[in-house]
N, C-alpha and C. Protein backbone atom coordinates (compact mmCIF):
# COMPACT_ATOMS: atom_id res chain seq x y z
N UNK A 1 71.11 122.43 74.23
CA UNK A 1 70.44 123.32 75.17
C UNK A 1 69.35 124.11 74.47
N UNK A 2 69.61 124.57 73.27
CA UNK A 2 68.61 125.36 72.56
C UNK A 2 67.41 124.50 72.16
N UNK A 3 67.63 123.21 71.98
CA UNK A 3 66.52 122.32 71.65
C UNK A 3 65.54 122.24 72.81
N UNK A 4 66.03 122.18 74.01
CA UNK A 4 65.17 122.12 75.20
C UNK A 4 64.38 123.41 75.35
N UNK A 5 65.04 124.52 75.13
CA UNK A 5 64.38 125.82 75.23
C UNK A 5 63.30 125.94 74.15
N UNK A 6 63.60 125.49 72.95
CA UNK A 6 62.63 125.53 71.86
C UNK A 6 61.43 124.66 72.16
N UNK A 7 61.65 123.47 72.66
CA UNK A 7 60.54 122.58 73.01
C UNK A 7 59.71 123.16 74.16
N UNK A 8 60.38 123.77 75.13
CA UNK A 8 59.66 124.37 76.25
C UNK A 8 58.82 125.56 75.81
N UNK A 9 59.29 126.29 74.81
CA UNK A 9 58.50 127.43 74.33
C UNK A 9 57.34 126.98 73.45
N UNK A 10 57.45 125.83 72.82
CA UNK A 10 56.36 125.32 71.98
C UNK A 10 55.28 124.60 72.78
N UNK A 11 55.57 124.25 74.01
CA UNK A 11 54.61 123.53 74.84
C UNK A 11 53.31 124.30 75.07
N UNK A 12 53.33 125.59 75.44
CA UNK A 12 52.05 126.30 75.60
C UNK A 12 51.25 126.41 74.30
N UNK A 13 51.93 126.57 73.18
CA UNK A 13 51.24 126.65 71.90
C UNK A 13 50.58 125.33 71.54
N UNK A 14 51.25 124.22 71.82
CA UNK A 14 50.66 122.92 71.52
C UNK A 14 49.48 122.64 72.45
N UNK A 15 49.58 123.06 73.69
CA UNK A 15 48.46 122.90 74.62
C UNK A 15 47.25 123.71 74.15
N UNK A 16 47.48 124.95 73.73
CA UNK A 16 46.40 125.80 73.24
C UNK A 16 45.77 125.22 71.97
N UNK A 17 46.59 124.66 71.09
CA UNK A 17 46.06 124.06 69.87
C UNK A 17 45.20 122.84 70.18
N UNK A 18 45.64 122.02 71.12
CA UNK A 18 44.85 120.85 71.52
C UNK A 18 43.53 121.27 72.15
N UNK A 19 43.55 122.32 72.97
CA UNK A 19 42.31 122.81 73.59
C UNK A 19 41.37 123.38 72.54
N UNK A 20 41.90 124.07 71.55
CA UNK A 20 41.09 124.61 70.47
C UNK A 20 40.43 123.48 69.68
N UNK A 21 41.17 122.44 69.39
CA UNK A 21 40.60 121.28 68.69
C UNK A 21 39.52 120.63 69.54
N UNK A 22 39.75 120.51 70.84
CA UNK A 22 38.75 119.95 71.74
C UNK A 22 37.48 120.79 71.75
N UNK A 23 37.62 122.10 71.74
CA UNK A 23 36.45 122.98 71.74
C UNK A 23 35.65 122.87 70.45
N UNK A 24 36.34 122.62 69.34
CA UNK A 24 35.65 122.47 68.06
C UNK A 24 34.94 121.12 67.99
N UNK A 25 35.63 120.07 68.42
CA UNK A 25 35.08 118.72 68.33
C UNK A 25 34.00 118.48 69.38
N UNK A 26 34.24 118.92 70.59
CA UNK A 26 33.30 118.69 71.69
C UNK A 26 33.09 119.99 72.47
N UNK A 27 32.13 120.82 72.04
CA UNK A 27 31.95 122.12 72.69
C UNK A 27 31.35 122.04 74.09
N UNK A 28 30.80 120.91 74.46
CA UNK A 28 30.16 120.78 75.77
C UNK A 28 31.09 120.11 76.76
N UNK A 29 31.15 120.66 77.97
CA UNK A 29 31.94 120.09 79.05
C UNK A 29 31.09 119.95 80.30
N UNK A 30 31.62 119.33 81.31
CA UNK A 30 30.88 119.17 82.55
C UNK A 30 30.71 120.51 83.25
N UNK A 31 29.59 120.68 83.91
CA UNK A 31 29.34 121.90 84.67
C UNK A 31 30.29 121.92 85.87
N UNK A 32 30.93 123.06 86.08
CA UNK A 32 31.90 123.14 87.17
C UNK A 32 31.23 123.32 88.53
N UNK A 33 29.97 123.68 88.55
CA UNK A 33 29.30 123.86 89.84
C UNK A 33 28.75 122.54 90.38
N UNK A 34 28.06 121.79 89.53
CA UNK A 34 27.48 120.53 89.99
C UNK A 34 28.31 119.32 89.60
N UNK A 35 29.39 119.52 88.85
CA UNK A 35 30.31 118.46 88.41
C UNK A 35 29.61 117.39 87.60
N UNK A 36 28.58 117.79 86.84
CA UNK A 36 27.87 116.86 85.96
C UNK A 36 26.79 116.05 86.64
N UNK A 37 26.52 116.30 87.92
CA UNK A 37 25.50 115.52 88.63
C UNK A 37 24.09 116.04 88.40
N UNK A 38 23.94 117.23 87.83
CA UNK A 38 22.67 117.87 87.52
C UNK A 38 22.00 118.53 88.73
N UNK A 39 22.55 118.38 89.89
CA UNK A 39 21.98 119.02 91.08
C UNK A 39 23.12 119.43 92.00
N UNK A 40 22.78 120.24 92.96
CA UNK A 40 23.76 120.59 93.99
C UNK A 40 23.04 120.65 95.32
N UNK A 41 23.79 120.56 96.37
CA UNK A 41 23.23 120.59 97.72
C UNK A 41 23.08 122.04 98.18
N UNK A 42 21.99 122.33 98.84
CA UNK A 42 21.79 123.67 99.40
C UNK A 42 22.37 123.71 100.81
N UNK A 43 22.24 124.86 101.44
CA UNK A 43 22.80 125.04 102.79
C UNK A 43 22.11 124.15 103.82
N UNK A 44 20.84 123.84 103.59
CA UNK A 44 20.13 123.00 104.56
C UNK A 44 20.17 121.52 104.19
N UNK A 45 20.87 121.17 103.10
CA UNK A 45 21.10 119.78 102.77
C UNK A 45 20.16 119.19 101.73
N UNK A 46 19.25 119.97 101.18
CA UNK A 46 18.36 119.43 100.16
C UNK A 46 18.99 119.54 98.78
N UNK A 47 18.45 118.78 97.84
CA UNK A 47 18.95 118.83 96.47
C UNK A 47 18.15 119.82 95.65
N UNK A 48 18.85 120.54 94.79
CA UNK A 48 18.20 121.47 93.86
C UNK A 48 18.85 121.32 92.50
N UNK A 49 18.06 121.55 91.45
CA UNK A 49 18.64 121.55 90.10
C UNK A 49 19.67 122.66 90.02
N UNK A 50 20.75 122.38 89.34
CA UNK A 50 21.81 123.36 89.18
C UNK A 50 21.31 124.49 88.29
N UNK A 51 21.47 125.73 88.74
CA UNK A 51 21.01 126.88 87.96
C UNK A 51 21.99 127.23 86.85
N UNK A 52 23.23 126.89 87.01
CA UNK A 52 24.21 127.24 85.99
C UNK A 52 24.02 126.43 84.70
N UNK A 53 23.66 125.17 84.84
CA UNK A 53 23.50 124.32 83.65
C UNK A 53 22.04 123.95 83.42
N UNK A 54 21.11 124.51 84.18
CA UNK A 54 19.68 124.22 84.08
C UNK A 54 19.38 122.74 84.29
N UNK A 55 20.15 122.08 85.11
CA UNK A 55 19.90 120.69 85.44
C UNK A 55 20.33 119.69 84.38
N UNK A 56 21.14 120.11 83.42
CA UNK A 56 21.60 119.19 82.38
C UNK A 56 22.94 118.55 82.73
N UNK A 57 23.74 119.22 83.53
CA UNK A 57 25.06 118.72 83.87
C UNK A 57 26.12 119.08 82.84
N UNK A 58 25.74 119.76 81.76
CA UNK A 58 26.66 120.12 80.69
C UNK A 58 26.63 121.62 80.46
N UNK A 59 27.79 122.20 80.14
CA UNK A 59 27.89 123.62 79.82
C UNK A 59 28.84 123.81 78.64
N UNK A 60 28.68 124.93 77.97
CA UNK A 60 29.56 125.25 76.85
C UNK A 60 30.94 125.60 77.41
N UNK A 61 31.97 125.06 76.79
CA UNK A 61 33.34 125.34 77.24
C UNK A 61 33.69 126.81 77.05
N UNK A 62 34.59 127.30 77.88
CA UNK A 62 35.02 128.70 77.81
C UNK A 62 35.67 129.00 76.46
N UNK A 63 36.49 128.10 75.97
CA UNK A 63 37.15 128.31 74.68
C UNK A 63 36.16 128.42 73.54
N UNK A 64 35.07 127.67 73.62
CA UNK A 64 34.05 127.74 72.57
C UNK A 64 33.33 129.09 72.63
N UNK A 65 33.09 129.58 73.85
CA UNK A 65 32.46 130.90 73.98
C UNK A 65 33.34 131.99 73.39
N UNK A 66 34.63 131.91 73.65
CA UNK A 66 35.57 132.91 73.12
C UNK A 66 35.61 132.83 71.60
N UNK A 67 35.63 131.62 71.05
CA UNK A 67 35.66 131.46 69.60
C UNK A 67 34.39 132.01 68.96
N UNK A 68 33.24 131.77 69.58
CA UNK A 68 31.97 132.30 69.06
C UNK A 68 31.94 133.82 69.13
N UNK A 69 32.49 134.39 70.19
CA UNK A 69 32.54 135.85 70.33
C UNK A 69 33.41 136.46 69.23
N UNK A 70 34.58 135.86 69.00
CA UNK A 70 35.48 136.37 67.97
C UNK A 70 34.83 136.25 66.60
N UNK A 71 34.17 135.14 66.33
CA UNK A 71 33.50 134.96 65.04
C UNK A 71 32.39 135.98 64.85
N UNK A 72 31.60 136.23 65.89
CA UNK A 72 30.51 137.20 65.82
C UNK A 72 31.05 138.61 65.56
N UNK A 73 32.10 138.98 66.28
CA UNK A 73 32.70 140.31 66.09
C UNK A 73 33.30 140.45 64.69
N UNK A 74 33.92 139.39 64.19
CA UNK A 74 34.50 139.44 62.86
C UNK A 74 33.43 139.62 61.80
N UNK A 75 32.35 138.87 61.93
CA UNK A 75 31.26 138.99 60.96
C UNK A 75 30.58 140.34 61.04
N UNK A 76 30.44 140.88 62.24
CA UNK A 76 29.80 142.19 62.38
C UNK A 76 30.68 143.30 61.81
N UNK A 77 31.98 143.13 61.85
CA UNK A 77 32.89 144.13 61.32
C UNK A 77 32.97 144.15 59.80
N UNK A 78 32.61 143.05 59.19
CA UNK A 78 32.68 142.95 57.73
C UNK A 78 31.40 143.37 57.03
N UNK A 79 30.41 143.81 57.75
CA UNK A 79 29.13 144.17 57.12
C UNK A 79 29.03 145.64 56.88
């Protein structure tokens, strides 16, 4: 029984570690607004370049932004 509880408690940590590795290896992910299509539909049905990703279809992952923020704060504190 304790083995199951131990494995269940390690699951979130392993998920976070995998996401951290993914953010380091591949910092770019699909844009959540246009879903990587580079455009979105307006209210009247026309296509427009996505403003969130500037029409590239790619955005920096949230985990990468957090890691960059922590690194910047750490470096600023050591000066």
